[in-house]
mmCIF file of all heavy atoms, coordinates in Angstrom:
data_MODEL
# 
_entry.id   MODEL 
# 
loop_
_atom_site.group_PDB 
_atom_site.id 
_atom_site.type_symbol 
_atom_site.label_atom_id 
_atom_site.label_alt_id 
_atom_site.label_comp_id 
_atom_site.label_asym_id 
_atom_site.label_entity_id 
_atom_site.label_seq_id 
_atom_site.pdbx_PDB_ins_code 
_atom_site.Cartn_x 
_atom_site.Cartn_y 
_atom_site.Cartn_z 
_atom_site.occupancy 
_atom_site.B_iso_or_equiv 
_atom_site.pdbx_formal_charge 
_atom_site.auth_seq_id 
_atom_site.auth_comp_id 
_atom_site.auth_asym_id 
_atom_site.auth_atom_id 
_atom_site.pdbx_PDB_model_num 
ATOM 1   N N   . GLN A 1 1  ? 6.922   2.929  -3.957  1.00 0.00 ? 1  GLN A N   1 
ATOM 2   C CA  . GLN A 1 1  ? 7.407   3.082  -5.333  1.00 0.00 ? 1  GLN A CA  1 
ATOM 3   C C   . GLN A 1 1  ? 7.028   1.862  -6.166  1.00 0.00 ? 1  GLN A C   1 
ATOM 4   O O   . GLN A 1 1  ? 6.565   1.994  -7.298  1.00 0.00 ? 1  GLN A O   1 
ATOM 5   C CB  . GLN A 1 1  ? 8.927   3.243  -5.344  1.00 0.00 ? 1  GLN A CB  1 
ATOM 6   C CG  . GLN A 1 1  ? 9.396   4.647  -5.297  1.00 0.00 ? 1  GLN A CG  1 
ATOM 7   C CD  . GLN A 1 1  ? 10.899  4.705  -5.483  1.00 0.00 ? 1  GLN A CD  1 
ATOM 8   O OE1 . GLN A 1 1  ? 11.637  3.836  -5.015  1.00 0.00 ? 1  GLN A OE1 1 
ATOM 9   N NE2 . GLN A 1 1  ? 11.356  5.735  -6.150  1.00 0.00 ? 1  GLN A NE2 1 
ATOM 10  N N   . GLN A 1 2  ? 7.251   0.688  -5.609  1.00 0.00 ? 2  GLN A N   1 
ATOM 11  C CA  . GLN A 1 2  ? 6.932   -0.541 -6.326  1.00 0.00 ? 2  GLN A CA  1 
ATOM 12  C C   . GLN A 1 2  ? 5.431   -0.631 -6.607  1.00 0.00 ? 2  GLN A C   1 
ATOM 13  O O   . GLN A 1 2  ? 5.023   -1.030 -7.687  1.00 0.00 ? 2  GLN A O   1 
ATOM 14  C CB  . GLN A 1 2  ? 7.383   -1.748 -5.506  1.00 0.00 ? 2  GLN A CB  1 
ATOM 15  C CG  . GLN A 1 2  ? 7.169   -3.059 -6.212  1.00 0.00 ? 2  GLN A CG  1 
ATOM 16  C CD  . GLN A 1 2  ? 7.744   -4.223 -5.413  1.00 0.00 ? 2  GLN A CD  1 
ATOM 17  O OE1 . GLN A 1 2  ? 8.285   -4.030 -4.332  1.00 0.00 ? 2  GLN A OE1 1 
ATOM 18  N NE2 . GLN A 1 2  ? 7.619   -5.409 -5.946  1.00 0.00 ? 2  GLN A NE2 1 
ATOM 19  N N   . LEU A 1 3  ? 4.630   -0.228 -5.656  1.00 0.00 ? 3  LEU A N   1 
ATOM 20  C CA  . LEU A 1 3  ? 3.183   -0.275 -5.845  1.00 0.00 ? 3  LEU A CA  1 
ATOM 21  C C   . LEU A 1 3  ? 2.745   0.669  -6.958  1.00 0.00 ? 3  LEU A C   1 
ATOM 22  O O   . LEU A 1 3  ? 1.959   0.286  -7.835  1.00 0.00 ? 3  LEU A O   1 
ATOM 23  C CB  . LEU A 1 3  ? 2.463   0.080  -4.532  1.00 0.00 ? 3  LEU A CB  1 
ATOM 24  C CG  . LEU A 1 3  ? 0.943   0.203  -4.619  1.00 0.00 ? 3  LEU A CG  1 
ATOM 25  C CD1 . LEU A 1 3  ? 0.317   -1.155 -4.934  1.00 0.00 ? 3  LEU A CD1 1 
ATOM 26  C CD2 . LEU A 1 3  ? 0.380   0.770  -3.336  1.00 0.00 ? 3  LEU A CD2 1 
ATOM 27  N N   . TYR A 1 4  ? 3.251   1.877  -6.954  1.00 0.00 ? 4  TYR A N   1 
ATOM 28  C CA  . TYR A 1 4  ? 2.772   2.862  -7.910  1.00 0.00 ? 4  TYR A CA  1 
ATOM 29  C C   . TYR A 1 4  ? 3.459   2.765  -9.271  1.00 0.00 ? 4  TYR A C   1 
ATOM 30  O O   . TYR A 1 4  ? 2.910   3.224  -10.254 1.00 0.00 ? 4  TYR A O   1 
ATOM 31  C CB  . TYR A 1 4  ? 2.870   4.264  -7.317  1.00 0.00 ? 4  TYR A CB  1 
ATOM 32  C CG  . TYR A 1 4  ? 1.905   4.398  -6.172  1.00 0.00 ? 4  TYR A CG  1 
ATOM 33  C CD1 . TYR A 1 4  ? 2.340   4.515  -4.868  1.00 0.00 ? 4  TYR A CD1 1 
ATOM 34  C CD2 . TYR A 1 4  ? 0.533   4.330  -6.393  1.00 0.00 ? 4  TYR A CD2 1 
ATOM 35  C CE1 . TYR A 1 4  ? 1.443   4.595  -3.818  1.00 0.00 ? 4  TYR A CE1 1 
ATOM 36  C CE2 . TYR A 1 4  ? -0.373  4.403  -5.350  1.00 0.00 ? 4  TYR A CE2 1 
ATOM 37  C CZ  . TYR A 1 4  ? 0.090   4.537  -4.070  1.00 0.00 ? 4  TYR A CZ  1 
ATOM 38  O OH  . TYR A 1 4  ? -0.806  4.600  -3.032  1.00 0.00 ? 4  TYR A OH  1 
ATOM 39  N N   . ARG A 1 5  ? 4.637   2.177  -9.344  1.00 0.00 ? 5  ARG A N   1 
ATOM 40  C CA  . ARG A 1 5  ? 5.279   1.977  -10.647 1.00 0.00 ? 5  ARG A CA  1 
ATOM 41  C C   . ARG A 1 5  ? 4.801   0.706  -11.331 1.00 0.00 ? 5  ARG A C   1 
ATOM 42  O O   . ARG A 1 5  ? 4.570   0.680  -12.529 1.00 0.00 ? 5  ARG A O   1 
ATOM 43  C CB  . ARG A 1 5  ? 6.799   1.918  -10.485 1.00 0.00 ? 5  ARG A CB  1 
ATOM 44  C CG  . ARG A 1 5  ? 7.419   3.258  -10.294 1.00 0.00 ? 5  ARG A CG  1 
ATOM 45  C CD  . ARG A 1 5  ? 8.915   3.148  -10.371 1.00 0.00 ? 5  ARG A CD  1 
ATOM 46  N NE  . ARG A 1 5  ? 9.512   4.461  -10.139 1.00 0.00 ? 5  ARG A NE  1 
ATOM 47  C CZ  . ARG A 1 5  ? 10.769  4.623  -9.847  1.00 0.00 ? 5  ARG A CZ  1 
ATOM 48  N NH1 . ARG A 1 5  ? 11.571  3.584  -9.723  1.00 0.00 ? 5  ARG A NH1 1 
ATOM 49  N NH2 . ARG A 1 5  ? 11.237  5.832  -9.656  1.00 0.00 ? 5  ARG A NH2 1 
ATOM 50  N N   . HIS A 1 6  ? 4.680   -0.377 -10.551 1.00 0.00 ? 6  HIS A N   1 
ATOM 51  C CA  . HIS A 1 6  ? 4.377   -1.678 -11.136 1.00 0.00 ? 6  HIS A CA  1 
ATOM 52  C C   . HIS A 1 6  ? 3.007   -2.224 -10.735 1.00 0.00 ? 6  HIS A C   1 
ATOM 53  O O   . HIS A 1 6  ? 2.594   -3.258 -11.230 1.00 0.00 ? 6  HIS A O   1 
ATOM 54  C CB  . HIS A 1 6  ? 5.455   -2.696 -10.758 1.00 0.00 ? 6  HIS A CB  1 
ATOM 55  C CG  . HIS A 1 6  ? 6.841   -2.233 -11.088 1.00 0.00 ? 6  HIS A CG  1 
ATOM 56  N ND1 . HIS A 1 6  ? 7.286   -2.059 -12.387 1.00 0.00 ? 6  HIS A ND1 1 
ATOM 57  C CD2 . HIS A 1 6  ? 7.878   -1.876 -10.289 1.00 0.00 ? 6  HIS A CD2 1 
ATOM 58  C CE1 . HIS A 1 6  ? 8.541   -1.626 -12.371 1.00 0.00 ? 6  HIS A CE1 1 
ATOM 59  N NE2 . HIS A 1 6  ? 8.923   -1.505 -11.102 1.00 0.00 ? 6  HIS A NE2 1 
ATOM 60  N N   . GLY A 1 7  ? 2.350   -1.573 -9.789  1.00 0.00 ? 7  GLY A N   1 
ATOM 61  C CA  . GLY A 1 7  ? 1.035   -2.026 -9.354  1.00 0.00 ? 7  GLY A CA  1 
ATOM 62  C C   . GLY A 1 7  ? 1.064   -3.290 -8.514  1.00 0.00 ? 7  GLY A C   1 
ATOM 63  O O   . GLY A 1 7  ? 0.060   -3.985 -8.402  1.00 0.00 ? 7  GLY A O   1 
ATOM 64  N N   . LYS A 1 8  ? 2.222   -3.595 -7.912  1.00 0.00 ? 8  LYS A N   1 
ATOM 65  C CA  . LYS A 1 8  ? 2.358   -4.815 -7.113  1.00 0.00 ? 8  LYS A CA  1 
ATOM 66  C C   . LYS A 1 8  ? 2.398   -4.470 -5.626  1.00 0.00 ? 8  LYS A C   1 
ATOM 67  O O   . LYS A 1 8  ? 3.203   -3.670 -5.182  1.00 0.00 ? 8  LYS A O   1 
ATOM 68  C CB  . LYS A 1 8  ? 3.629   -5.569 -7.487  1.00 0.00 ? 8  LYS A CB  1 
ATOM 69  C CG  . LYS A 1 8  ? 3.611   -6.117 -8.886  1.00 0.00 ? 8  LYS A CG  1 
ATOM 70  C CD  . LYS A 1 8  ? 4.885   -6.869 -9.168  1.00 0.00 ? 8  LYS A CD  1 
ATOM 71  C CE  . LYS A 1 8  ? 4.881   -7.368 -10.613 1.00 0.00 ? 8  LYS A CE  1 
ATOM 72  N NZ  . LYS A 1 8  ? 6.129   -8.054 -10.930 1.00 0.00 ? 8  LYS A NZ  1 
ATOM 73  N N   . ALA A 1 9  ? 1.528   -5.098 -4.882  1.00 0.00 ? 9  ALA A N   1 
ATOM 74  C CA  . ALA A 1 9  ? 1.535   -4.965 -3.428  1.00 0.00 ? 9  ALA A CA  1 
ATOM 75  C C   . ALA A 1 9  ? 1.574   -6.369 -2.838  1.00 0.00 ? 9  ALA A C   1 
ATOM 76  O O   . ALA A 1 9  ? 0.930   -7.284 -3.337  1.00 0.00 ? 9  ALA A O   1 
ATOM 77  C CB  . ALA A 1 9  ? 0.290   -4.230 -2.956  1.00 0.00 ? 9  ALA A CB  1 
ATOM 78  N N   . TYR A 1 10 ? 2.369   -6.521 -1.794  1.00 0.00 ? 10 TYR A N   1 
ATOM 79  C CA  . TYR A 1 10 ? 2.532   -7.846 -1.184  1.00 0.00 ? 10 TYR A CA  1 
ATOM 80  C C   . TYR A 1 10 ? 1.915   -7.939 0.201   1.00 0.00 ? 10 TYR A C   1 
ATOM 81  O O   . TYR A 1 10 ? 1.769   -9.009 0.735   1.00 0.00 ? 10 TYR A O   1 
ATOM 82  C CB  . TYR A 1 10 ? 4.016   -8.216 -1.122  1.00 0.00 ? 10 TYR A CB  1 
ATOM 83  C CG  . TYR A 1 10 ? 4.639   -8.288 -2.485  1.00 0.00 ? 10 TYR A CG  1 
ATOM 84  C CD1 . TYR A 1 10 ? 5.477   -7.293 -2.945  1.00 0.00 ? 10 TYR A CD1 1 
ATOM 85  C CD2 . TYR A 1 10 ? 4.355   -9.357 -3.342  1.00 0.00 ? 10 TYR A CD2 1 
ATOM 86  C CE1 . TYR A 1 10 ? 6.044   -7.363 -4.204  1.00 0.00 ? 10 TYR A CE1 1 
ATOM 87  C CE2 . TYR A 1 10 ? 4.908   -9.429 -4.605  1.00 0.00 ? 10 TYR A CE2 1 
ATOM 88  C CZ  . TYR A 1 10 ? 5.754   -8.428 -5.028  1.00 0.00 ? 10 TYR A CZ  1 
ATOM 89  O OH  . TYR A 1 10 ? 6.289   -8.488 -6.274  1.00 0.00 ? 10 TYR A OH  1 
ATOM 90  N N   . ARG A 1 11 ? 1.603   -6.797 0.784   1.00 0.00 ? 11 ARG A N   1 
ATOM 91  C CA  . ARG A 1 11 ? 0.993   -6.769 2.110   1.00 0.00 ? 11 ARG A CA  1 
ATOM 92  C C   . ARG A 1 11 ? -0.350  -6.069 1.991   1.00 0.00 ? 11 ARG A C   1 
ATOM 93  O O   . ARG A 1 11 ? -0.471  -5.054 1.320   1.00 0.00 ? 11 ARG A O   1 
ATOM 94  C CB  . ARG A 1 11 ? 1.869   -5.994 3.091   1.00 0.00 ? 11 ARG A CB  1 
ATOM 95  C CG  . ARG A 1 11 ? 3.225   -6.608 3.290   1.00 0.00 ? 11 ARG A CG  1 
ATOM 96  C CD  . ARG A 1 11 ? 4.086   -5.640 4.055   1.00 0.00 ? 11 ARG A CD  1 
ATOM 97  N NE  . ARG A 1 11 ? 4.465   -6.227 5.319   1.00 0.00 ? 11 ARG A NE  1 
ATOM 98  C CZ  . ARG A 1 11 ? 5.176   -5.623 6.236   1.00 0.00 ? 11 ARG A CZ  1 
ATOM 99  N NH1 . ARG A 1 11 ? 5.547   -4.377 6.059   1.00 0.00 ? 11 ARG A NH1 1 
ATOM 100 N NH2 . ARG A 1 11 ? 5.492   -6.222 7.350   1.00 0.00 ? 11 ARG A NH2 1 
ATOM 101 N N   . PHE A 1 12 ? -1.328  -6.604 2.700   1.00 0.00 ? 12 PHE A N   1 
ATOM 102 C CA  . PHE A 1 12 ? -2.669  -6.038 2.614   1.00 0.00 ? 12 PHE A CA  1 
ATOM 103 C C   . PHE A 1 12 ? -3.284  -5.876 3.993   1.00 0.00 ? 12 PHE A C   1 
ATOM 104 O O   . PHE A 1 12 ? -2.968  -6.609 4.924   1.00 0.00 ? 12 PHE A O   1 
ATOM 105 C CB  . PHE A 1 12 ? -3.575  -6.938 1.763   1.00 0.00 ? 12 PHE A CB  1 
ATOM 106 C CG  . PHE A 1 12 ? -3.131  -7.025 0.333   1.00 0.00 ? 12 PHE A CG  1 
ATOM 107 C CD1 . PHE A 1 12 ? -2.319  -8.063 -0.095  1.00 0.00 ? 12 PHE A CD1 1 
ATOM 108 C CD2 . PHE A 1 12 ? -3.511  -6.047 -0.572  1.00 0.00 ? 12 PHE A CD2 1 
ATOM 109 C CE1 . PHE A 1 12 ? -1.895  -8.121 -1.401  1.00 0.00 ? 12 PHE A CE1 1 
ATOM 110 C CE2 . PHE A 1 12 ? -3.093  -6.107 -1.884  1.00 0.00 ? 12 PHE A CE2 1 
ATOM 111 C CZ  . PHE A 1 12 ? -2.278  -7.155 -2.312  1.00 0.00 ? 12 PHE A CZ  1 
ATOM 112 N N   . ILE A 1 13 ? -4.168  -4.897 4.084   1.00 0.00 ? 13 ILE A N   1 
ATOM 113 C CA  . ILE A 1 13 ? -4.984  -4.694 5.275   1.00 0.00 ? 13 ILE A CA  1 
ATOM 114 C C   . ILE A 1 13 ? -6.427  -4.622 4.781   1.00 0.00 ? 13 ILE A C   1 
ATOM 115 O O   . ILE A 1 13 ? -6.829  -3.642 4.158   1.00 0.00 ? 13 ILE A O   1 
ATOM 116 C CB  . ILE A 1 13 ? -4.589  -3.416 6.037   1.00 0.00 ? 13 ILE A CB  1 
ATOM 117 C CG1 . ILE A 1 13 ? -3.152  -3.539 6.546   1.00 0.00 ? 13 ILE A CG1 1 
ATOM 118 C CG2 . ILE A 1 13 ? -5.554  -3.147 7.180   1.00 0.00 ? 13 ILE A CG2 1 
ATOM 119 C CD1 . ILE A 1 13 ? -2.624  -2.319 7.263   1.00 0.00 ? 13 ILE A CD1 1 
ATOM 120 N N   . PHE A 1 14 ? -7.156  -5.700 5.011   1.00 0.00 ? 14 PHE A N   1 
ATOM 121 C CA  . PHE A 1 14 ? -8.551  -5.826 4.581   1.00 0.00 ? 14 PHE A CA  1 
ATOM 122 C C   . PHE A 1 14 ? -8.743  -5.495 3.100   1.00 0.00 ? 14 PHE A C   1 
ATOM 123 O O   . PHE A 1 14 ? -9.637  -4.756 2.729   1.00 0.00 ? 14 PHE A O   1 
ATOM 124 C CB  . PHE A 1 14 ? -9.478  -4.982 5.453   1.00 0.00 ? 14 PHE A CB  1 
ATOM 125 C CG  . PHE A 1 14 ? -9.519  -5.425 6.875   1.00 0.00 ? 14 PHE A CG  1 
ATOM 126 C CD1 . PHE A 1 14 ? -9.014  -4.634 7.887   1.00 0.00 ? 14 PHE A CD1 1 
ATOM 127 C CD2 . PHE A 1 14 ? -10.048 -6.669 7.206   1.00 0.00 ? 14 PHE A CD2 1 
ATOM 128 C CE1 . PHE A 1 14 ? -9.040  -5.060 9.197   1.00 0.00 ? 14 PHE A CE1 1 
ATOM 129 C CE2 . PHE A 1 14 ? -10.078 -7.105 8.520   1.00 0.00 ? 14 PHE A CE2 1 
ATOM 130 C CZ  . PHE A 1 14 ? -9.572  -6.300 9.511   1.00 0.00 ? 14 PHE A CZ  1 
ATOM 131 N N   . GLY A 1 15 ? -7.867  -6.023 2.278   1.00 0.00 ? 15 GLY A N   1 
ATOM 132 C CA  . GLY A 1 15 ? -7.997  -5.865 0.837   1.00 0.00 ? 15 GLY A CA  1 
ATOM 133 C C   . GLY A 1 15 ? -7.330  -4.630 0.267   1.00 0.00 ? 15 GLY A C   1 
ATOM 134 O O   . GLY A 1 15 ? -7.210  -4.500 -0.950  1.00 0.00 ? 15 GLY A O   1 
ATOM 135 N N   . PHE A 1 16 ? -6.899  -3.721 1.095   1.00 0.00 ? 16 PHE A N   1 
ATOM 136 C CA  . PHE A 1 16 ? -6.206  -2.523 0.624   1.00 0.00 ? 16 PHE A CA  1 
ATOM 137 C C   . PHE A 1 16 ? -4.703  -2.726 0.783   1.00 0.00 ? 16 PHE A C   1 
ATOM 138 O O   . PHE A 1 16 ? -4.248  -3.427 1.679   1.00 0.00 ? 16 PHE A O   1 
ATOM 139 C CB  . PHE A 1 16 ? -6.624  -1.290 1.437   1.00 0.00 ? 16 PHE A CB  1 
ATOM 140 C CG  . PHE A 1 16 ? -8.072  -0.944 1.294   1.00 0.00 ? 16 PHE A CG  1 
ATOM 141 C CD1 . PHE A 1 16 ? -8.976  -1.279 2.287   1.00 0.00 ? 16 PHE A CD1 1 
ATOM 142 C CD2 . PHE A 1 16 ? -8.535  -0.285 0.162   1.00 0.00 ? 16 PHE A CD2 1 
ATOM 143 C CE1 . PHE A 1 16 ? -10.309 -0.962 2.171   1.00 0.00 ? 16 PHE A CE1 1 
ATOM 144 C CE2 . PHE A 1 16 ? -9.871  0.037  0.032   1.00 0.00 ? 16 PHE A CE2 1 
ATOM 145 C CZ  . PHE A 1 16 ? -10.764 -0.305 1.034   1.00 0.00 ? 16 PHE A CZ  1 
ATOM 146 N N   . SER A 1 17 ? -3.946  -2.078 -0.063  1.00 0.00 ? 17 SER A N   1 
ATOM 147 C CA  . SER A 1 17 ? -2.495  -2.151 0.034   1.00 0.00 ? 17 SER A CA  1 
ATOM 148 C C   . SER A 1 17 ? -2.059  -1.608 1.393   1.00 0.00 ? 17 SER A C   1 
ATOM 149 O O   . SER A 1 17 ? -2.437  -0.495 1.789   1.00 0.00 ? 17 SER A O   1 
ATOM 150 C CB  . SER A 1 17 ? -1.871  -1.321 -1.086  1.00 0.00 ? 17 SER A CB  1 
ATOM 151 O OG  . SER A 1 17 ? -0.538  -1.031 -0.803  1.00 0.00 ? 17 SER A OG  1 
ATOM 152 N N   . ALA A 1 18 ? -1.263  -2.386 2.115   1.00 0.00 ? 18 ALA A N   1 
ATOM 153 C CA  . ALA A 1 18 ? -0.829  -1.981 3.459   1.00 0.00 ? 18 ALA A CA  1 
ATOM 154 C C   . ALA A 1 18 ? -0.014  -0.694 3.413   1.00 0.00 ? 18 ALA A C   1 
ATOM 155 O O   . ALA A 1 18 ? -0.155  0.164  4.288   1.00 0.00 ? 18 ALA A O   1 
ATOM 156 C CB  . ALA A 1 18 ? -0.023  -3.097 4.112   1.00 0.00 ? 18 ALA A CB  1 
ATOM 157 N N   . VAL A 1 19 ? 0.806   -0.542 2.381   1.00 0.00 ? 19 VAL A N   1 
ATOM 158 C CA  . VAL A 1 19 ? 1.635   0.665  2.311   1.00 0.00 ? 19 VAL A CA  1 
ATOM 159 C C   . VAL A 1 19 ? 0.764   1.900  2.097   1.00 0.00 ? 19 VAL A C   1 
ATOM 160 O O   . VAL A 1 19 ? 1.024   2.962  2.672   1.00 0.00 ? 19 VAL A O   1 
ATOM 161 C CB  . VAL A 1 19 ? 2.742   0.530  1.233   1.00 0.00 ? 19 VAL A CB  1 
ATOM 162 C CG1 . VAL A 1 19 ? 2.184   0.595  -0.172  1.00 0.00 ? 19 VAL A CG1 1 
ATOM 163 C CG2 . VAL A 1 19 ? 3.821   1.570  1.433   1.00 0.00 ? 19 VAL A CG2 1 
ATOM 164 N N   . SER A 1 20 ? -0.303  1.801  1.337   1.00 0.00 ? 20 SER A N   1 
ATOM 165 C CA  . SER A 1 20 ? -1.205  2.941  1.139   1.00 0.00 ? 20 SER A CA  1 
ATOM 166 C C   . SER A 1 20 ? -1.929  3.298  2.432   1.00 0.00 ? 20 SER A C   1 
ATOM 167 O O   . SER A 1 20 ? -2.032  4.474  2.794   1.00 0.00 ? 20 SER A O   1 
ATOM 168 C CB  . SER A 1 20 ? -2.238  2.627  0.061   1.00 0.00 ? 20 SER A CB  1 
ATOM 169 O OG  . SER A 1 20 ? -1.617  2.362  -1.159  1.00 0.00 ? 20 SER A OG  1 
ATOM 170 N N   . VAL A 1 21 ? -2.418  2.288  3.110   1.00 0.00 ? 21 VAL A N   1 
ATOM 171 C CA  . VAL A 1 21 ? -3.133  2.525  4.365   1.00 0.00 ? 21 VAL A CA  1 
ATOM 172 C C   . VAL A 1 21 ? -2.191  3.137  5.394   1.00 0.00 ? 21 VAL A C   1 
ATOM 173 O O   . VAL A 1 21 ? -2.542  4.106  6.084   1.00 0.00 ? 21 VAL A O   1 
ATOM 174 C CB  . VAL A 1 21 ? -3.746  1.209  4.899   1.00 0.00 ? 21 VAL A CB  1 
ATOM 175 C CG1 . VAL A 1 21 ? -4.313  1.389  6.304   1.00 0.00 ? 21 VAL A CG1 1 
ATOM 176 C CG2 . VAL A 1 21 ? -4.813  0.693  3.950   1.00 0.00 ? 21 VAL A CG2 1 
ATOM 177 N N   . MET A 1 22 ? -0.981  2.612  5.486   1.00 0.00 ? 22 MET A N   1 
ATOM 178 C CA  . MET A 1 22 ? -0.055  3.099  6.498   1.00 0.00 ? 22 MET A CA  1 
ATOM 179 C C   . MET A 1 22 ? 0.466   4.498  6.158   1.00 0.00 ? 22 MET A C   1 
ATOM 180 O O   . MET A 1 22 ? 0.732   5.293  7.055   1.00 0.00 ? 22 MET A O   1 
ATOM 181 C CB  . MET A 1 22 ? 1.090   2.112  6.697   1.00 0.00 ? 22 MET A CB  1 
ATOM 182 C CG  . MET A 1 22 ? 0.621   0.762  7.255   1.00 0.00 ? 22 MET A CG  1 
ATOM 183 S SD  . MET A 1 22 ? -0.572  0.856  8.611   1.00 0.00 ? 22 MET A SD  1 
ATOM 184 C CE  . MET A 1 22 ? 0.463   1.404  9.924   1.00 0.00 ? 22 MET A CE  1 
ATOM 185 N N   . TYR A 1 23 ? 0.609   4.816  4.865   1.00 0.00 ? 23 TYR A N   1 
ATOM 186 C CA  . TYR A 1 23 ? 0.982   6.186  4.504   1.00 0.00 ? 23 TYR A CA  1 
ATOM 187 C C   . TYR A 1 23 ? -0.128  7.154  4.894   1.00 0.00 ? 23 TYR A C   1 
ATOM 188 O O   . TYR A 1 23 ? 0.141   8.273  5.340   1.00 0.00 ? 23 TYR A O   1 
ATOM 189 C CB  . TYR A 1 23 ? 1.301   6.329  3.017   1.00 0.00 ? 23 TYR A CB  1 
ATOM 190 C CG  . TYR A 1 23 ? 2.782   6.371  2.740   1.00 0.00 ? 23 TYR A CG  1 
ATOM 191 C CD1 . TYR A 1 23 ? 3.408   5.370  2.025   1.00 0.00 ? 23 TYR A CD1 1 
ATOM 192 C CD2 . TYR A 1 23 ? 3.571   7.419  3.206   1.00 0.00 ? 23 TYR A CD2 1 
ATOM 193 C CE1 . TYR A 1 23 ? 4.766   5.399  1.770   1.00 0.00 ? 23 TYR A CE1 1 
ATOM 194 C CE2 . TYR A 1 23 ? 4.930   7.467  2.963   1.00 0.00 ? 23 TYR A CE2 1 
ATOM 195 C CZ  . TYR A 1 23 ? 5.518   6.453  2.245   1.00 0.00 ? 23 TYR A CZ  1 
ATOM 196 O OH  . TYR A 1 23 ? 6.868   6.488  2.013   1.00 0.00 ? 23 TYR A OH  1 
ATOM 197 N N   . LEU A 1 24 ? -1.358  6.738  4.747   1.00 0.00 ? 24 LEU A N   1 
ATOM 198 C CA  . LEU A 1 24 ? -2.476  7.568  5.185   1.00 0.00 ? 24 LEU A CA  1 
ATOM 199 C C   . LEU A 1 24 ? -2.408  7.796  6.696   1.00 0.00 ? 24 LEU A C   1 
ATOM 200 O O   . LEU A 1 24 ? -2.596  8.920  7.180   1.00 0.00 ? 24 LEU A O   1 
ATOM 201 C CB  . LEU A 1 24 ? -3.806  6.924  4.796   1.00 0.00 ? 24 LEU A CB  1 
ATOM 202 C CG  . LEU A 1 24 ? -5.062  7.689  5.182   1.00 0.00 ? 24 LEU A CG  1 
ATOM 203 C CD1 . LEU A 1 24 ? -5.129  9.019  4.454   1.00 0.00 ? 24 LEU A CD1 1 
ATOM 204 C CD2 . LEU A 1 24 ? -6.286  6.855  4.876   1.00 0.00 ? 24 LEU A CD2 1 
ATOM 205 N N   . VAL A 1 25 ? -2.101  6.742  7.437   1.00 0.00 ? 25 VAL A N   1 
ATOM 206 C CA  . VAL A 1 25 ? -1.948  6.855  8.887   1.00 0.00 ? 25 VAL A CA  1 
ATOM 207 C C   . VAL A 1 25 ? -0.803  7.806  9.222   1.00 0.00 ? 25 VAL A C   1 
ATOM 208 O O   . VAL A 1 25 ? -0.928  8.663  10.115  1.00 0.00 ? 25 VAL A O   1 
ATOM 209 C CB  . VAL A 1 25 ? -1.724  5.473  9.530   1.00 0.00 ? 25 VAL A CB  1 
ATOM 210 C CG1 . VAL A 1 25 ? -1.285  5.591  10.983  1.00 0.00 ? 25 VAL A CG1 1 
ATOM 211 C CG2 . VAL A 1 25 ? -2.974  4.629  9.417   1.00 0.00 ? 25 VAL A CG2 1 
ATOM 212 N N   . VAL A 1 26 ? 0.312   7.693  8.505   1.00 0.00 ? 26 VAL A N   1 
ATOM 213 C CA  . VAL A 1 26 ? 1.472   8.555  8.760   1.00 0.00 ? 26 VAL A CA  1 
ATOM 214 C C   . VAL A 1 26 ? 1.115   10.019 8.501   1.00 0.00 ? 26 VAL A C   1 
ATOM 215 O O   . VAL A 1 26 ? 1.460   10.901 9.301   1.00 0.00 ? 26 VAL A O   1 
ATOM 216 C CB  . VAL A 1 26 ? 2.687   8.115  7.904   1.00 0.00 ? 26 VAL A CB  1 
ATOM 217 C CG1 . VAL A 1 26 ? 3.761   9.179  7.885   1.00 0.00 ? 26 VAL A CG1 1 
ATOM 218 C CG2 . VAL A 1 26 ? 3.252   6.810  8.424   1.00 0.00 ? 26 VAL A CG2 1 
ATOM 219 N N   . VAL A 1 27 ? 0.416   10.291 7.422   1.00 0.00 ? 27 VAL A N   1 
ATOM 220 C CA  . VAL A 1 27 ? 0.055   11.677 7.092   1.00 0.00 ? 27 VAL A CA  1 
ATOM 221 C C   . VAL A 1 27 ? -0.879  12.264 8.158   1.00 0.00 ? 27 VAL A C   1 
ATOM 222 O O   . VAL A 1 27 ? -0.670  13.380 8.626   1.00 0.00 ? 27 VAL A O   1 
ATOM 223 C CB  . VAL A 1 27 ? -0.583  11.744 5.684   1.00 0.00 ? 27 VAL A CB  1 
ATOM 224 C CG1 . VAL A 1 27 ? -1.250  13.076 5.434   1.00 0.00 ? 27 VAL A CG1 1 
ATOM 225 C CG2 . VAL A 1 27 ? 0.463   11.467 4.617   1.00 0.00 ? 27 VAL A CG2 1 
# 
């Protein structure tokens, strides 16, 4: 929510937002 509302990410995996990468893994 914080990433998509405010564009802030605090964790990264090779330059990508960790939450986005991990949601992809979860799906």
